[in-house]
Amino acid sequence: MNPVKALILGFLLLVPILAFLFIGTFGEHHFTLKHYFPEVDAQGEIMTNAAGDTVFKKIPPFELTSQTGQKISGDDLEGSMYVVNFFFASCPDVCKKMSSQLTRVQEKFQDTPDVKLVSISINPEHDTVEVLQKYADMYGADEDKWYFLTGDRKEIYSLAEKGFYLPVQQVAGQQDFIHSERFLLVDKNRRVRGIYDGTDREDVDRLILEINVLLDEYSKSK
């Protein structure tokens, strides 16, 4: 074969290989997080919008009181994504593990105002503002980023059960009780985008990664 033709043929074969390597190395990779809790109609069928996309439930409105005595509502979290968990201050073990893991999340996103943390007491009769402030101080909580919330028991339990689909247990001779080690990631549209084991360091690493995925998604949509 003519050397010139061989060179041209070799170049033509090489171009797609180089293009593939370039795209693989420098091209953008698009990831997205799944949504949880689809809306269903009266017949139990999953609802869709006009475009045929599944409609997902939003976190219902709420208003509770933070460790500083400030009223915090869903509207105050508008424009932010947040990680939510349910706990109680006198919990001897699991809640402490969860709060320790949330300190890691706070440290990772300390300089990212769009990311908030929300810890809601399931024992509001005991967990007063003063109790929550002491608890928050134990974990170095930034009061502008990490809210410890208390309030009306019925509202809290309704929010846990109907907003975050956490199990509410009936305990004989006692008040209802929520037992959950879950962290839930809520996006800026008030929809749940991730569920994690708040006592598992590796699963919290996944949470941190997926918060970054959402942040990247929002930055590309501007």
Foldseek 3Di string as FASTA:
>chain_A
DPPVVVVVVVVVVVVVVVVVVCCVVPNDDADDFDFDAFDADPVRHFDADPVRHTHHDFQDWDWWAFLVRDIDIPVNLAQAKEKEDEDALPDDPLVVLLLLLVLVLCVLCVVPLRYAYEYEYLCQVPCDSPNRNVSCVVSVHDVSGYTYTHDDNVRVVCSCCVRVNFDWDDDPPDDIDTDDQWMWIAGNRRTTRDIFRSNDNVRSVVVSVNVVSRVVVVVVVD
